[in-house]
Amino acid sequence: MKRGFTANFGVSFVISVDSGQVLDYGFASKICLQCSREKEQVSKNSEEFRNWYATHSSNCTENHTGSSEAMEKDIARRLWSNSLAYNLRYKYMVCDGNSKAYNSVWDVYGAVKIVISGSEWTKRATNTRNGSTLMTITNGNQTMTLDKQTV
């Protein structure tokens, strides 16, 4: 799999800070391997390909047209939009430093309070004396503490 702005596939996850469970995910593909194989055997403009594609289209994995850079933004926007169907609003976003995804989710429901740049964040839960839980997220020398109840 390629990385960066030449990638043919993109994937994103929404993970609960509390439980670590995947709440939602998105996948985008600029290509379909089955379509590519079929195009090698017959012409894309042939009647045979059109007939084959009519039966294949519901299973086709090509679901993104546009640049590889736009894939990341489109998936993020789709995941943030999905949350509204469940009256859920995400509060934090963890993404790489050159991510354009943050700007794309702004249009869905405004600012996400904190954007963390970096790829290797670790989390540690700490119980306080009053019974609440604090979540500490660390990357190297950067640390952010979250009140579990606000996430």
Protein backbone atom coordinates (compact mmCIF):
# COMPACT_ATOMS: atom_id res chain seq x y z
CA MET A 1 0.00 0.00 0.00
CA LYS A 2 1.31 3.43 -0.90
CA ARG A 3 1.32 6.36 1.50
CA GLY A 4 0.96 10.05 0.87
CA PHE A 5 -0.56 11.80 -2.10
CA THR A 6 -0.15 8.83 -4.46
CA ALA A 7 -2.22 6.37 -2.41
CA ASN A 8 -5.00 4.45 -4.10
CA PHE A 9 -6.67 3.52 -0.79
CA GLY A 10 -7.50 5.48 2.35
CA VAL A 11 -8.88 4.43 5.71
CA SER A 12 -9.85 6.34 8.87
CA PHE A 13 -11.21 5.31 12.25
CA VAL A 14 -13.12 6.98 15.08
CA ILE A 15 -11.97 5.38 18.32
CA SER A 16 -13.48 5.97 21.75
CA VAL A 17 -10.99 7.45 24.22
CA ASP A 18 -12.93 5.77 27.03
CA SER A 19 -13.13 2.19 25.77
CA GLY A 20 -10.73 1.99 22.84
CA GLN A 21 -13.57 0.61 20.71
CA VAL A 22 -13.94 1.58 17.07
CA LEU A 23 -17.10 3.71 16.81
CA ASP A 24 -16.99 4.25 13.05
CA TYR A 25 -14.63 3.80 10.14
CA GLY A 26 -14.35 4.89 6.57
CA PHE A 27 -12.65 3.39 3.54
CA ALA A 28 -12.03 5.00 0.16
CA SER A 29 -10.54 3.51 -2.97
CA LYS A 30 -9.57 5.12 -6.24
CA ILE A 31 -9.37 1.73 -7.96
CA CYS A 32 -11.17 -1.60 -8.06
CA LEU A 33 -8.91 -4.59 -8.65
CA GLN A 34 -11.71 -6.61 -10.25
CA CYS A 35 -12.46 -3.77 -12.68
CA SER A 36 -8.76 -3.42 -13.48
CA ARG A 37 -8.47 -7.15 -14.28
CA GLU A 38 -11.59 -7.07 -16.43
CA LYS A 39 -10.35 -4.00 -18.33
CA GLU A 40 -7.12 -5.87 -19.13
CA GLN A 41 -9.12 -8.68 -20.73
CA VAL A 42 -11.71 -6.64 -22.62
CA SER A 43 -12.00 -3.04 -23.75
CA LYS A 44 -13.54 -0.66 -21.23
CA ASN A 45 -15.85 0.67 -23.96
CA SER A 46 -17.01 -2.76 -25.15
CA GLU A 47 -20.49 -4.17 -24.75
CA GLU A 48 -18.98 -7.13 -22.88
CA PHE A 49 -17.47 -4.84 -20.23
CA ARG A 50 -20.71 -2.87 -19.83
CA ASN A 51 -22.65 -6.11 -19.28
CA TRP A 52 -20.08 -7.36 -16.78
CA TYR A 53 -20.04 -4.01 -14.94
CA ALA A 54 -23.84 -3.98 -14.66
CA THR A 55 -23.61 -7.09 -12.47
CA HIS A 56 -20.45 -5.93 -10.66
CA SER A 57 -21.33 -2.28 -9.89
CA SER A 58 -23.00 -3.01 -6.54
CA ASN A 59 -19.78 -4.74 -5.34
CA CYS A 60 -17.29 -2.34 -6.94
CA THR A 61 -14.74 -1.03 -4.42
CA GLU A 62 -13.94 2.13 -6.39
CA ASN A 63 -15.81 4.75 -4.36
CA HIS A 64 -13.62 7.84 -4.70
CA THR A 65 -12.92 10.03 -7.68
CA GLY A 66 -10.40 12.78 -7.28
CA SER A 67 -6.97 13.16 -5.77
CA SER A 68 -5.42 10.99 -3.09
CA GLU A 69 -5.11 14.10 -0.91
CA ALA A 70 -8.86 14.65 -1.12
CA MET A 71 -9.54 11.08 0.08
CA GLU A 72 -8.45 11.88 3.65
CA LYS A 73 -10.70 14.95 3.77
CA ASP A 74 -13.69 13.12 2.29
CA ILE A 75 -13.46 10.23 4.74
CA ALA A 76 -13.13 12.58 7.72
CA ARG A 77 -16.10 14.66 6.59
CA ARG A 78 -18.17 11.48 6.13
CA LEU A 79 -17.29 10.17 9.61
CA TRP A 80 -18.09 13.49 11.30
CA SER A 81 -21.39 13.68 9.40
CA ASN A 82 -22.29 10.13 10.47
CA SER A 83 -22.00 11.16 14.12
CA LEU A 84 -24.87 13.62 13.77
CA ALA A 85 -27.29 10.77 13.02
CA TYR A 86 -26.64 9.50 16.56
CA ASN A 87 -26.69 12.94 18.26
CA LEU A 88 -22.99 12.50 18.89
CA ARG A 89 -20.38 15.20 18.45
CA TYR A 90 -16.70 14.37 18.43
CA LYS A 91 -14.58 16.68 20.51
CA TYR A 92 -10.98 15.74 19.68
CA MET A 93 -9.17 14.77 16.52
CA VAL A 94 -5.83 13.01 16.28
CA CYS A 95 -4.21 13.32 12.87
CA ASP A 96 -0.83 13.73 11.24
CA GLY A 97 0.80 17.13 11.09
CA ASN A 98 0.04 17.82 7.44
CA SER A 99 -3.57 16.72 7.64
CA LYS A 100 -6.15 18.75 5.75
CA ALA A 101 -8.88 16.67 7.39
CA TYR A 102 -9.28 19.14 10.25
CA ASN A 103 -10.41 21.89 7.90
CA SER A 104 -12.87 19.56 6.20
CA VAL A 105 -14.66 18.62 9.43
CA TRP A 106 -14.96 22.28 10.43
CA ASP A 107 -17.80 22.57 7.89
CA VAL A 108 -19.72 19.70 9.51
CA TYR A 109 -20.25 21.18 12.98
CA GLY A 110 -17.59 23.72 13.76
CA ALA A 111 -14.28 23.46 15.53
CA VAL A 112 -12.98 20.31 17.09
CA LYS A 113 -11.50 21.63 20.32
CA ILE A 114 -7.98 20.21 20.02
CA VAL A 115 -6.05 18.89 17.06
CA ILE A 116 -3.07 16.78 18.00
CA SER A 117 -0.35 16.39 15.41
CA GLY A 118 1.74 13.27 15.67
CA SER A 119 1.52 9.61 14.89
CA GLU A 120 2.54 7.82 18.08
CA TRP A 121 0.36 8.90 20.99
CA THR A 122 -0.10 6.76 24.06
CA LYS A 123 -2.86 7.04 26.65
CA ARG A 124 -2.99 6.33 30.36
CA ALA A 125 -6.06 6.50 32.60
CA THR A 126 -5.71 7.88 36.13
CA ASN A 127 -8.41 7.75 38.78
CA THR A 128 -8.64 10.84 40.96
CA ARG A 129 -9.73 11.07 44.60
CA ASN A 130 -13.20 12.31 43.67
CA GLY A 131 -13.84 9.25 41.49
CA SER A 132 -13.50 10.85 38.07
CA THR A 133 -11.02 9.52 35.54
CA LEU A 134 -8.38 11.60 33.82
CA MET A 135 -6.95 10.43 30.52
CA THR A 136 -3.36 11.43 29.82
CA ILE A 137 -2.27 11.35 26.19
CA THR A 138 1.45 11.61 25.55
CA ASN A 139 3.69 11.91 22.50
CA GLY A 140 7.35 12.37 23.38
CA ASN A 141 7.51 15.46 25.58
CA GLN A 142 3.97 16.68 24.72
CA THR A 143 1.21 15.74 27.16
CA MET A 144 -2.50 16.48 27.23
CA THR A 145 -4.82 15.49 30.10
CA LEU A 146 -8.51 15.01 29.38
CA ASP A 147 -11.34 14.64 31.86
CA LYS A 148 -12.93 11.34 30.83
CA GLN A 149 -16.42 12.75 31.40
CA THR A 150 -15.95 15.52 28.81
CA VAL A 151 -14.88 13.26 25.94
